[in-house]
Amino acid sequence: MIELFEFALSGNCYKVKLLLSFLNLKYESRIVNLLEKEHKTSSFLAMNPFGQIPVLKDKGILLRDSQGILVYLAQTYGGTNWFPTEPLHTAEVIAWLSTAANEVSRGPATLRAHYLLGRPINLEEAKSVTENLLSILENRLSNQNWLVTDSITIADLAIYPYIALCHQGKVDLSDYGNIRKWMLQIENMPGYITMPGLAE
């Protein structure tokens, strides 16, 4: 049985849960209490020395990092649709995974952490990164439905959560029609699940 060590408010955990649901994979949820620093205990650090969630356990292996977990699940259980093998498409998916770990993390995810959890940040930098990212996404989706191929891939799932949670970082998506259409496509897919904050 797959085990997912997670926290309900984490967009990075949510993207993994979303793929698990789309792939119709059963798993056991292991809630990690971040408020009590459970992710910094010796038992958790033995699974992920970086002390971060999510962590996935499957078939005796442990995987850290949401982007890496998406790749593993897609390649192990999803065929070539979720992680295409054509070299250009593979490279483009990896580039978007890097964007999720970089610009998405430094932009909308950081703004959300500031306004939702009170985390001190460089507010102007986070706003600037977010505005640039949204502009790039809006342009990318102006003539295609998905970020890489003509169907959804893990690139879309890697980017989606913190864009969908933008309102919690006081970012208005009203002027980004292509992004909102893209989000709606994901939300209308069979197997879609939500997370705290998305229903607001």
N, C-alpha and C. Protein backbone atom coordinates (compact mmCIF):
# COMPACT_ATOMS: atom_id res chain seq x y z
N MET A 1 0.83 -1.20 0.00
CA MET A 1 0.00 0.00 0.00
C MET A 1 0.87 1.26 0.00
N ILE A 2 0.55 2.18 -0.86
CA ILE A 2 1.26 3.47 -0.90
C ILE A 2 0.94 4.25 0.38
N GLU A 3 1.94 4.88 0.94
CA GLU A 3 1.75 5.76 2.09
C GLU A 3 2.21 7.17 1.71
N LEU A 4 1.41 8.16 2.09
CA LEU A 4 1.77 9.55 1.82
C LEU A 4 1.83 10.31 3.14
N PHE A 5 3.00 10.81 3.46
CA PHE A 5 3.19 11.62 4.66
C PHE A 5 2.95 13.06 4.24
N GLU A 6 1.94 13.69 4.86
CA GLU A 6 1.42 14.94 4.31
C GLU A 6 0.87 15.86 5.39
N PHE A 7 0.48 17.04 4.95
CA PHE A 7 -0.15 18.06 5.79
C PHE A 7 -1.24 18.71 4.95
N ALA A 8 -2.44 18.87 5.51
CA ALA A 8 -3.62 19.24 4.73
C ALA A 8 -3.49 20.58 4.01
N LEU A 9 -2.78 21.54 4.58
CA LEU A 9 -2.70 22.87 4.00
C LEU A 9 -1.58 23.02 2.97
N SER A 10 -0.85 21.97 2.73
CA SER A 10 0.29 22.04 1.81
C SER A 10 -0.15 21.83 0.36
N GLY A 11 0.14 22.83 -0.48
CA GLY A 11 -0.14 22.68 -1.90
C GLY A 11 0.75 21.63 -2.55
N ASN A 12 1.95 21.45 -2.02
CA ASN A 12 2.84 20.43 -2.56
C ASN A 12 2.33 19.02 -2.27
N CYS A 13 1.77 18.82 -1.09
CA CYS A 13 1.13 17.54 -0.79
C CYS A 13 -0.12 17.35 -1.65
N TYR A 14 -0.85 18.43 -1.83
CA TYR A 14 -2.10 18.36 -2.59
C TYR A 14 -1.85 17.92 -4.04
N LYS A 15 -0.79 18.41 -4.67
CA LYS A 15 -0.55 18.02 -6.07
C LYS A 15 -0.30 16.52 -6.18
N VAL A 16 0.34 15.95 -5.18
CA VAL A 16 0.56 14.49 -5.16
C VAL A 16 -0.77 13.77 -4.95
N LYS A 17 -1.57 14.25 -4.02
CA LYS A 17 -2.88 13.63 -3.77
C LYS A 17 -3.77 13.72 -5.01
N LEU A 18 -3.65 14.82 -5.73
CA LEU A 18 -4.44 15.01 -6.94
C LEU A 18 -4.07 13.96 -7.99
N LEU A 19 -2.77 13.74 -8.18
CA LEU A 19 -2.35 12.73 -9.15
C LEU A 19 -2.76 11.34 -8.69
N LEU A 20 -2.61 11.04 -7.43
CA LEU A 20 -3.05 9.75 -6.90
C LEU A 20 -4.53 9.52 -7.20
N SER A 21 -5.32 10.57 -7.04
CA SER A 21 -6.76 10.46 -7.31
C SER A 21 -7.03 10.27 -8.80
N PHE A 22 -6.36 11.07 -9.65
CA PHE A 22 -6.55 10.94 -11.09
C PHE A 22 -6.14 9.55 -11.59
N LEU A 23 -5.13 8.96 -10.96
CA LEU A 23 -4.67 7.63 -11.34
C LEU A 23 -5.46 6.51 -10.65
N ASN A 24 -6.40 6.93 -9.79
CA ASN A 24 -7.25 5.98 -9.05
C ASN A 24 -6.40 5.01 -8.21
N LEU A 25 -5.39 5.58 -7.55
CA LEU A 25 -4.51 4.79 -6.71
C LEU A 25 -4.90 4.95 -5.24
N LYS A 26 -5.07 3.84 -4.57
CA LYS A 26 -5.37 3.89 -3.14
C LYS A 26 -4.09 4.09 -2.35
N TYR A 27 -4.21 4.82 -1.27
CA TYR A 27 -3.04 5.09 -0.43
C TYR A 27 -3.47 5.36 1.00
N GLU A 28 -2.54 5.24 1.91
CA GLU A 28 -2.77 5.56 3.31
C GLU A 28 -2.18 6.95 3.60
N SER A 29 -3.00 7.82 4.15
CA SER A 29 -2.54 9.16 4.51
C SER A 29 -1.93 9.14 5.90
N ARG A 30 -0.72 9.66 6.00
CA ARG A 30 -0.03 9.80 7.29
C ARG A 30 0.14 11.29 7.56
N ILE A 31 -0.68 11.82 8.43
CA ILE A 31 -0.65 13.26 8.72
C ILE A 31 0.59 13.61 9.56
N VAL A 32 1.34 14.58 9.09
CA VAL A 32 2.53 15.07 9.80
C VAL A 32 2.16 16.39 10.46
N ASN A 33 2.30 16.47 11.76
CA ASN A 33 1.93 17.67 12.50
C ASN A 33 3.07 18.69 12.45
N LEU A 34 2.96 19.61 11.50
CA LEU A 34 4.02 20.61 11.33
C LEU A 34 4.06 21.59 12.50
N LEU A 35 2.89 21.86 13.08
CA LEU A 35 2.84 22.82 14.18
C LEU A 35 3.60 22.33 15.39
N GLU A 36 3.68 21.00 15.53
CA GLU A 36 4.45 20.43 16.64
C GLU A 36 5.83 19.95 16.19
N LYS A 37 6.24 20.41 15.01
CA LYS A 37 7.59 20.14 14.46
C LYS A 37 7.85 18.64 14.27
N GLU A 38 6.79 17.90 13.96
CA GLU A 38 6.97 16.46 13.75
C GLU A 38 7.89 16.18 12.57
N HIS A 39 7.93 17.12 11.60
CA HIS A 39 8.78 16.93 10.42
C HIS A 39 10.26 17.13 10.74
N LYS A 40 10.55 17.56 11.97
CA LYS A 40 11.95 17.75 12.36
C LYS A 40 12.41 16.68 13.36
N THR A 41 11.55 15.70 13.62
CA THR A 41 11.93 14.62 14.54
C THR A 41 12.89 13.66 13.86
N SER A 42 13.62 12.91 14.66
CA SER A 42 14.61 11.98 14.10
C SER A 42 13.95 10.92 13.22
N SER A 43 12.74 10.48 13.59
CA SER A 43 12.08 9.44 12.81
C SER A 43 11.67 9.97 11.43
N PHE A 44 11.23 11.23 11.37
CA PHE A 44 10.87 11.80 10.06
C PHE A 44 12.12 12.13 9.25
N LEU A 45 13.14 12.66 9.91
CA LEU A 45 14.38 13.00 9.20
C LEU A 45 15.06 11.75 8.64
N ALA A 46 14.77 10.60 9.21
CA ALA A 46 15.30 9.35 8.66
C ALA A 46 14.67 9.06 7.30
N MET A 47 13.45 9.56 7.08
CA MET A 47 12.78 9.39 5.79
C MET A 47 13.17 10.50 4.82
N ASN A 48 13.26 11.72 5.33
CA ASN A 48 13.66 12.86 4.50
C ASN A 48 14.55 13.78 5.33
N PRO A 49 15.84 13.73 5.10
CA PRO A 49 16.76 14.53 5.91
C PRO A 49 16.57 16.03 5.75
N PHE A 50 15.82 16.46 4.72
CA PHE A 50 15.52 17.88 4.57
C PHE A 50 14.38 18.31 5.49
N GLY A 51 13.68 17.36 6.09
CA GLY A 51 12.61 17.69 7.02
C GLY A 51 11.43 18.37 6.35
N GLN A 52 11.09 17.93 5.15
CA GLN A 52 10.01 18.54 4.39
C GLN A 52 8.98 17.49 3.96
N ILE A 53 7.75 17.96 3.79
CA ILE A 53 6.70 17.12 3.25
C ILE A 53 6.44 17.56 1.81
N PRO A 54 5.89 16.67 0.98
CA PRO A 54 5.47 15.31 1.27
C PRO A 54 6.61 14.31 1.17
N VAL A 55 6.34 13.13 1.73
CA VAL A 55 7.19 11.95 1.53
C VAL A 55 6.26 10.82 1.11
N LEU A 56 6.69 10.07 0.11
CA LEU A 56 5.90 8.94 -0.38
C LEU A 56 6.66 7.65 -0.13
N LYS A 57 5.93 6.66 0.39
CA LYS A 57 6.50 5.34 0.60
C LYS A 57 5.73 4.36 -0.29
N ASP A 58 6.47 3.61 -1.10
CA ASP A 58 5.83 2.66 -2.00
C ASP A 58 6.79 1.52 -2.31
N LYS A 59 6.32 0.30 -2.12
CA LYS A 59 7.12 -0.89 -2.46
C LYS A 59 8.50 -0.86 -1.81
N GLY A 60 8.54 -0.39 -0.58
CA GLY A 60 9.79 -0.41 0.17
C GLY A 60 10.73 0.74 -0.13
N ILE A 61 10.31 1.69 -1.00
CA ILE A 61 11.16 2.84 -1.29
C ILE A 61 10.55 4.10 -0.69
N LEU A 62 11.42 5.06 -0.40
CA LEU A 62 10.99 6.35 0.13
C LEU A 62 11.37 7.44 -0.86
N LEU A 63 10.44 8.33 -1.15
CA LEU A 63 10.70 9.43 -2.07
C LEU A 63 10.33 10.75 -1.40
N ARG A 64 11.18 11.74 -1.56
CA ARG A 64 10.91 13.08 -1.06
C ARG A 64 10.69 14.01 -2.24
N ASP A 65 10.15 15.17 -1.99
CA ASP A 65 9.96 16.25 -2.96
C ASP A 65 8.76 15.97 -3.87
N SER A 66 7.83 16.91 -3.88
CA SER A 66 6.58 16.70 -4.63
C SER A 66 6.82 16.53 -6.12
N GLN A 67 7.76 17.28 -6.70
CA GLN A 67 8.03 17.14 -8.13
C GLN A 67 8.58 15.75 -8.46
N GLY A 68 9.52 15.28 -7.67
CA GLY A 68 10.07 13.95 -7.85
C GLY A 68 9.01 12.87 -7.68
N ILE A 69 8.14 13.05 -6.71
CA ILE A 69 7.07 12.07 -6.48
C ILE A 69 6.11 12.04 -7.66
N LEU A 70 5.79 13.20 -8.23
CA LEU A 70 4.93 13.24 -9.42
C LEU A 70 5.54 12.43 -10.56
N VAL A 71 6.84 12.60 -10.78
CA VAL A 71 7.52 11.86 -11.85
C VAL A 71 7.44 10.36 -11.59
N TYR A 72 7.71 9.97 -10.36
CA TYR A 72 7.68 8.54 -10.01
C TYR A 72 6.29 7.94 -10.24
N LEU A 73 5.27 8.60 -9.73
CA LEU A 73 3.90 8.07 -9.87
C LEU A 73 3.48 8.03 -11.33
N ALA A 74 3.82 9.09 -12.06
CA ALA A 74 3.43 9.14 -13.47
C ALA A 74 4.10 8.02 -14.27
N GLN A 75 5.38 7.82 -14.04
CA GLN A 75 6.10 6.80 -14.80
C GLN A 75 5.76 5.39 -14.35
N THR A 76 5.46 5.23 -13.07
CA THR A 76 5.18 3.89 -12.55
C THR A 76 3.75 3.45 -12.83
N TYR A 77 2.82 4.39 -12.73
CA TYR A 77 1.41 4.02 -12.79
C TYR A 77 0.61 4.73 -13.88
N GLY A 78 1.17 5.74 -14.53
CA GLY A 78 0.37 6.57 -15.43
C GLY A 78 0.63 6.41 -16.92
N GLY A 79 1.51 5.49 -17.31
CA GLY A 79 1.82 5.38 -18.73
C GLY A 79 2.56 6.62 -19.22
N THR A 80 2.42 6.91 -20.52
CA THR A 80 3.16 8.05 -21.09
C THR A 80 2.32 9.32 -21.17
N ASN A 81 1.05 9.25 -20.79
CA ASN A 81 0.20 10.44 -20.89
C ASN A 81 0.62 11.51 -19.88
N TRP A 82 0.85 11.10 -18.64
CA TRP A 82 1.15 12.07 -17.59
C TRP A 82 2.59 12.58 -17.66
N PHE A 83 3.50 11.73 -18.14
CA PHE A 83 4.90 12.14 -18.30
C PHE A 83 5.37 11.64 -19.66
N PRO A 84 5.18 12.46 -20.70
CA PRO A 84 5.46 12.02 -22.07
C PRO A 84 6.94 11.69 -22.28
N THR A 85 7.19 10.73 -23.16
CA THR A 85 8.56 10.27 -23.40
C THR A 85 9.22 10.91 -24.62
N GLU A 86 8.45 11.62 -25.43
CA GLU A 86 9.04 12.33 -26.56
C GLU A 86 10.01 13.37 -26.00
N PRO A 87 11.27 13.39 -26.46
CA PRO A 87 12.30 14.20 -25.80
C PRO A 87 11.93 15.66 -25.56
N LEU A 88 11.36 16.34 -26.54
CA LEU A 88 11.00 17.74 -26.36
C LEU A 88 9.94 17.89 -25.27
N HIS A 89 8.95 17.04 -25.30
CA HIS A 89 7.88 17.12 -24.29
C HIS A 89 8.40 16.76 -22.90
N THR A 90 9.30 15.77 -22.84
CA THR A 90 9.91 15.43 -21.55
C THR A 90 10.65 16.63 -20.99
N ALA A 91 11.43 17.29 -21.84
CA ALA A 91 12.20 18.46 -21.41
C ALA A 91 11.29 19.59 -20.95
N GLU A 92 10.17 19.78 -21.66
CA GLU A 92 9.24 20.85 -21.29
C GLU A 92 8.56 20.55 -19.96
N VAL A 93 8.21 19.29 -19.73
CA VAL A 93 7.62 18.92 -18.44
C VAL A 93 8.61 19.21 -17.32
N ILE A 94 9.86 18.81 -17.50
CA ILE A 94 10.88 19.04 -16.48
C ILE A 94 11.07 20.54 -16.23
N ALA A 95 11.02 21.33 -17.30
CA ALA A 95 11.15 22.78 -17.14
C ALA A 95 10.03 23.34 -16.28
N TRP A 96 8.80 22.85 -16.48
CA TRP A 96 7.68 23.33 -15.66
C TRP A 96 7.77 22.83 -14.21
N LEU A 97 8.32 21.62 -14.03
CA LEU A 97 8.55 21.15 -12.67
C LEU A 97 9.55 22.06 -11.96
N SER A 98 10.56 22.51 -12.70
CA SER A 98 11.53 23.46 -12.14
C SER A 98 10.86 24.79 -11.82
N THR A 99 9.94 25.22 -12.69
CA THR A 99 9.19 26.45 -12.43
C THR A 99 8.37 26.32 -11.14
N ALA A 100 7.78 25.15 -10.92
CA ALA A 100 7.01 24.93 -9.69
C ALA A 100 7.90 25.06 -8.46
N ALA A 101 9.11 24.54 -8.57
CA ALA A 101 10.03 24.58 -7.43
C ALA A 101 10.69 25.95 -7.26
N ASN A 102 10.67 26.76 -8.31
CA ASN A 102 11.34 28.06 -8.27
C ASN A 102 10.33 29.20 -8.22
N GLU A 103 9.85 29.63 -9.38
CA GLU A 103 8.98 30.82 -9.43
C GLU A 103 7.67 30.66 -8.67
N VAL A 104 7.05 29.48 -8.78
CA VAL A 104 5.79 29.28 -8.03
C VAL A 104 6.06 29.34 -6.53
N SER A 105 7.15 28.71 -6.11
CA SER A 105 7.50 28.71 -4.69
C SER A 105 7.87 30.10 -4.19
N ARG A 106 8.63 30.85 -5.00
CA ARG A 106 9.08 32.19 -4.58
C ARG A 106 8.02 33.26 -4.76
N GLY A 107 6.98 32.94 -5.56
CA GLY A 107 5.92 33.91 -5.84
C GLY A 107 4.64 33.62 -5.07
N PRO A 108 3.66 33.00 -5.73
CA PRO A 108 2.36 32.80 -5.09
C PRO A 108 2.40 31.96 -3.82
N ALA A 109 3.26 30.96 -3.75
CA ALA A 109 3.33 30.15 -2.53
C ALA A 109 3.87 30.96 -1.36
N THR A 110 4.84 31.82 -1.65
CA THR A 110 5.41 32.67 -0.60
C THR A 110 4.41 33.72 -0.14
N LEU A 111 3.67 34.31 -1.07
CA LEU A 111 2.62 35.28 -0.68
C LEU A 111 1.57 34.62 0.19
N ARG A 112 1.17 33.41 -0.17
CA ARG A 112 0.17 32.68 0.62
C ARG A 112 0.70 32.42 2.03
N ALA A 113 1.96 31.98 2.13
CA ALA A 113 2.54 31.71 3.45
C ALA A 113 2.59 32.97 4.30
N HIS A 114 2.79 34.11 3.65
CA HIS A 114 2.84 35.39 4.37
C HIS A 114 1.47 35.77 4.92
N TYR A 115 0.46 35.77 4.05
CA TYR A 115 -0.85 36.25 4.47
C TYR A 115 -1.64 35.22 5.27
N LEU A 116 -1.38 33.94 5.02
CA LEU A 116 -2.13 32.90 5.72
C LEU A 116 -1.47 32.50 7.03
N LEU A 117 -0.13 32.47 7.03
CA LEU A 117 0.59 31.96 8.19
C LEU A 117 1.45 33.01 8.88
N GLY A 118 1.48 34.22 8.32
CA GLY A 118 2.25 35.29 8.94
C GLY A 118 3.75 35.19 8.75
N ARG A 119 4.19 34.46 7.74
CA ARG A 119 5.62 34.30 7.52
C ARG A 119 6.22 35.59 6.97
N PRO A 120 7.32 36.08 7.56
CA PRO A 120 7.97 37.29 7.04
C PRO A 120 8.64 37.02 5.69
N ILE A 121 8.41 37.91 4.72
CA ILE A 121 8.95 37.71 3.37
C ILE A 121 9.37 39.06 2.79
N ASN A 122 10.04 39.02 1.66
CA ASN A 122 10.27 40.22 0.84
C ASN A 122 9.03 40.38 -0.02
N LEU A 123 8.10 41.20 0.42
CA LEU A 123 6.79 41.29 -0.20
C LEU A 123 6.86 41.76 -1.64
N GLU A 124 7.65 42.77 -1.91
CA GLU A 124 7.73 43.30 -3.28
C GLU A 124 8.33 42.28 -4.24
N GLU A 125 9.33 41.57 -3.79
CA GLU A 125 9.93 40.55 -4.65
C GLU A 125 8.92 39.44 -4.96
N ALA A 126 8.20 38.98 -3.94
CA ALA A 126 7.22 37.92 -4.15
C ALA A 126 6.11 38.36 -5.09
N LYS A 127 5.69 39.61 -4.97
CA LYS A 127 4.66 40.14 -5.87
C LYS A 127 5.18 40.22 -7.30
N SER A 128 6.41 40.66 -7.46
CA SER A 128 7.01 40.79 -8.79
C SER A 128 7.16 39.43 -9.46
N VAL A 129 7.64 38.44 -8.71
CA VAL A 129 7.79 37.09 -9.25
C VAL A 129 6.43 36.53 -9.66
N THR A 130 5.42 36.78 -8.83
CA THR A 130 4.08 36.28 -9.11
C THR A 130 3.50 36.91 -10.37
N GLU A 131 3.63 38.23 -10.49
CA GLU A 131 3.09 38.92 -11.67
C GLU A 131 3.76 38.43 -12.95
N ASN A 132 5.06 38.24 -12.91
CA ASN A 132 5.78 37.74 -14.09
C ASN A 132 5.35 36.32 -14.44
N LEU A 133 5.23 35.48 -13.42
CA LEU A 133 4.79 34.11 -13.63
C LEU A 133 3.40 34.04 -14.24
N LEU A 134 2.48 34.82 -13.69
CA LEU A 134 1.10 34.80 -14.21
C LEU A 134 1.05 35.30 -15.65
N SER A 135 1.86 36.29 -15.97
CA SER A 135 1.92 36.79 -17.34
C SER A 135 2.41 35.71 -18.30
N ILE A 136 3.44 34.98 -17.89
CA ILE A 136 3.99 33.91 -18.71
C ILE A 136 2.97 32.79 -18.89
N LEU A 137 2.30 32.41 -17.80
CA LEU A 137 1.29 31.35 -17.87
C LEU A 137 0.13 31.77 -18.77
N GLU A 138 -0.33 32.99 -18.61
CA GLU A 138 -1.46 33.48 -19.41
C GLU A 138 -1.11 33.45 -20.89
N ASN A 139 0.10 33.86 -21.22
CA ASN A 139 0.53 33.83 -22.61
C ASN A 139 0.68 32.40 -23.13
N ARG A 140 1.26 31.54 -22.31
CA ARG A 140 1.45 30.14 -22.71
C ARG A 140 0.11 29.46 -23.02
N LEU A 141 -0.91 29.81 -22.25
CA LEU A 141 -2.22 29.16 -22.40
C LEU A 141 -3.12 29.90 -23.38
N SER A 142 -2.58 30.87 -24.09
CA SER A 142 -3.41 31.66 -25.02
C SER A 142 -3.77 30.87 -26.26
N ASN A 143 -2.94 29.88 -26.63
CA ASN A 143 -3.22 29.11 -27.84
C ASN A 143 -3.11 27.61 -27.63
N GLN A 144 -3.15 27.18 -26.37
CA GLN A 144 -3.16 25.75 -26.06
C GLN A 144 -3.87 25.53 -24.73
N ASN A 145 -4.47 24.35 -24.59
CA ASN A 145 -5.28 24.06 -23.41
C ASN A 145 -4.45 23.64 -22.20
N TRP A 146 -3.28 23.03 -22.47
CA TRP A 146 -2.43 22.51 -21.40
C TRP A 146 -1.02 23.04 -21.58
N LEU A 147 -0.20 22.92 -20.55
CA LEU A 147 1.11 23.55 -20.58
C LEU A 147 2.10 22.90 -21.55
N VAL A 148 1.97 21.60 -21.80
CA VAL A 148 2.98 20.93 -22.62
C VAL A 148 2.37 20.27 -23.86
N THR A 149 1.51 19.29 -23.68
CA THR A 149 0.95 18.55 -24.81
C THR A 149 -0.53 18.92 -24.97
N ASP A 150 -1.24 18.16 -25.79
CA ASP A 150 -2.67 18.43 -25.97
C ASP A 150 -3.53 17.73 -24.94
N SER A 151 -2.89 17.19 -23.91
CA SER A 151 -3.62 16.63 -22.77
C SER A 151 -2.88 16.99 -21.49
N ILE A 152 -3.52 16.79 -20.38
CA ILE A 152 -2.92 17.15 -19.09
C ILE A 152 -1.71 16.29 -18.79
N THR A 153 -0.68 16.88 -18.21
CA THR A 153 0.50 16.16 -17.75
C THR A 153 0.81 16.59 -16.32
N ILE A 154 1.85 15.99 -15.75
CA ILE A 154 2.24 16.40 -14.39
C ILE A 154 2.76 17.83 -14.37
N ALA A 155 3.10 18.40 -15.52
CA ALA A 155 3.48 19.82 -15.56
C ALA A 155 2.32 20.68 -15.07
N ASP A 156 1.12 20.37 -15.53
CA ASP A 156 -0.06 21.13 -15.12
C ASP A 156 -0.33 20.95 -13.62
N LEU A 157 -0.19 19.72 -13.15
CA LEU A 157 -0.45 19.46 -11.73
C LEU A 157 0.58 20.11 -10.83
N ALA A 158 1.82 20.21 -11.31
CA ALA A 158 2.87 20.83 -10.50
C ALA A 158 2.62 22.32 -10.30
N ILE A 159 2.05 22.96 -11.31
CA ILE A 159 1.83 24.41 -11.26
C ILE A 159 0.50 24.77 -10.61
N TYR A 160 -0.50 23.94 -10.80
CA TYR A 160 -1.89 24.28 -10.45
C TYR A 160 -2.14 24.69 -8.99
N PRO A 161 -1.70 23.93 -7.98
CA PRO A 161 -2.18 24.20 -6.62
C PRO A 161 -1.99 25.64 -6.13
N TYR A 162 -0.78 26.16 -6.23
CA TYR A 162 -0.54 27.49 -5.67
C TYR A 162 -1.09 28.61 -6.56
N ILE A 163 -1.38 28.30 -7.83
CA ILE A 163 -2.10 29.26 -8.66
C ILE A 163 -3.56 29.29 -8.23
N ALA A 164 -4.13 28.11 -8.01
CA ALA A 164 -5.52 28.03 -7.57
C ALA A 164 -5.72 28.63 -6.17
N LEU A 165 -4.66 28.68 -5.39
CA LEU A 165 -4.71 29.24 -4.04
C LEU A 165 -4.26 30.71 -3.99
N CYS A 166 -4.11 31.33 -5.16
CA CYS A 166 -3.60 32.70 -5.24
C CYS A 166 -4.38 33.68 -4.37
N HIS A 167 -5.70 33.48 -4.27
CA HIS A 167 -6.51 34.42 -3.49
C HIS A 167 -6.07 34.47 -2.03
N GLN A 168 -5.49 33.37 -1.52
CA GLN A 168 -5.01 33.38 -0.14
C GLN A 168 -3.74 34.21 0.01
N GLY A 169 -3.12 34.52 -1.11
CA GLY A 169 -1.97 35.42 -1.11
C GLY A 169 -2.32 36.81 -1.61
N LYS A 170 -3.63 37.10 -1.61
CA LYS A 170 -4.15 38.40 -2.04
C LYS A 170 -3.80 38.72 -3.50
N VAL A 171 -3.86 37.70 -4.35
CA VAL A 171 -3.63 37.86 -5.78
C VAL A 171 -4.93 37.60 -6.51
N ASP A 172 -5.35 38.56 -7.34
CA ASP A 172 -6.61 38.48 -8.07
C ASP A 172 -6.35 37.93 -9.47
N LEU A 173 -7.05 36.86 -9.82
CA LEU A 173 -6.89 36.24 -11.14
C LEU A 173 -7.96 36.69 -12.14
N SER A 174 -8.72 37.72 -11.80
CA SER A 174 -9.83 38.15 -12.66
C SER A 174 -9.39 38.49 -14.07
N ASP A 175 -8.21 39.05 -14.23
CA ASP A 175 -7.74 39.48 -15.55
C ASP A 175 -7.02 38.38 -16.33
N TYR A 176 -6.96 37.19 -15.75
CA TYR A 176 -6.22 36.09 -16.38
C TYR A 176 -7.20 35.01 -16.85
N GLY A 177 -7.88 35.32 -17.94
CA GLY A 177 -8.93 34.43 -18.44
C GLY A 177 -8.41 33.07 -18.89
N ASN A 178 -7.24 33.03 -19.51
CA ASN A 178 -6.69 31.75 -19.96
C ASN A 178 -6.31 30.86 -18.79
N ILE A 179 -5.76 31.46 -17.74
CA ILE A 179 -5.41 30.70 -16.54
C ILE A 179 -6.67 30.16 -15.88
N ARG A 180 -7.69 30.98 -15.78
CA ARG A 180 -8.92 30.53 -15.14
C ARG A 180 -9.59 29.40 -15.93
N LYS A 181 -9.52 29.49 -17.25
CA LYS A 181 -10.07 28.42 -18.10
C LYS A 181 -9.29 27.13 -17.89
N TRP A 182 -7.97 27.24 -17.82
CA TRP A 182 -7.09 26.09 -17.58
C TRP A 182 -7.40 25.45 -16.22
N MET A 183 -7.57 26.28 -15.19
CA MET A 183 -7.90 25.76 -13.87
C MET A 183 -9.24 25.02 -13.89
N LEU A 184 -10.21 25.57 -14.59
CA LEU A 184 -11.53 24.96 -14.66
C LEU A 184 -11.46 23.59 -15.36
N GLN A 185 -10.61 23.48 -16.37
CA GLN A 185 -10.44 22.19 -17.04
C GLN A 185 -9.95 21.13 -16.07
N ILE A 186 -8.99 21.49 -15.23
CA ILE A 186 -8.48 20.55 -14.23
C ILE A 186 -9.58 20.19 -13.24
N GLU A 187 -10.31 21.21 -12.79
CA GLU A 187 -11.33 21.00 -11.76
C GLU A 187 -12.52 20.20 -12.27
N ASN A 188 -12.70 20.13 -13.58
CA ASN A 188 -13.81 19.36 -14.15
C ASN A 188 -13.41 17.94 -14.56
N MET A 189 -12.16 17.58 -14.30
CA MET A 189 -11.71 16.24 -14.67
C MET A 189 -12.25 15.19 -13.70
N PRO A 190 -12.59 14.00 -14.22
CA PRO A 190 -13.01 12.90 -13.33
C PRO A 190 -11.90 12.58 -12.34
N GLY A 191 -12.26 12.45 -11.08
CA GLY A 191 -11.29 12.15 -10.05
C GLY A 191 -10.71 13.36 -9.36
N TYR A 192 -11.13 14.56 -9.80
CA TYR A 192 -10.62 15.78 -9.16
C TYR A 192 -11.03 15.82 -7.70
N ILE A 193 -10.11 16.22 -6.85
CA ILE A 193 -10.38 16.43 -5.42
C ILE A 193 -9.93 17.83 -5.06
N THR A 194 -10.44 18.34 -3.97
CA THR A 194 -10.11 19.69 -3.55
C THR A 194 -9.23 19.66 -2.30
N MET A 195 -8.92 20.83 -1.78
CA MET A 195 -8.16 20.95 -0.54
C MET A 195 -8.62 22.20 0.19
N PRO A 196 -8.32 22.34 1.49
CA PRO A 196 -8.73 23.54 2.21
C PRO A 196 -8.24 24.81 1.53
N GLY A 197 -9.14 25.75 1.34
CA GLY A 197 -8.79 27.02 0.70
C GLY A 197 -9.27 27.14 -0.72
N LEU A 198 -9.47 26.04 -1.41
CA LEU A 198 -9.87 26.10 -2.81
C LEU A 198 -11.34 26.41 -2.99
N ALA A 199 -12.15 26.17 -2.00
CA ALA A 199 -13.59 26.40 -2.13
C ALA A 199 -13.96 27.84 -1.84
N GLU A 200 -13.00 28.63 -1.44
CA GLU A 200 -13.30 30.03 -1.05
C GLU A 200 -13.60 30.89 -2.28
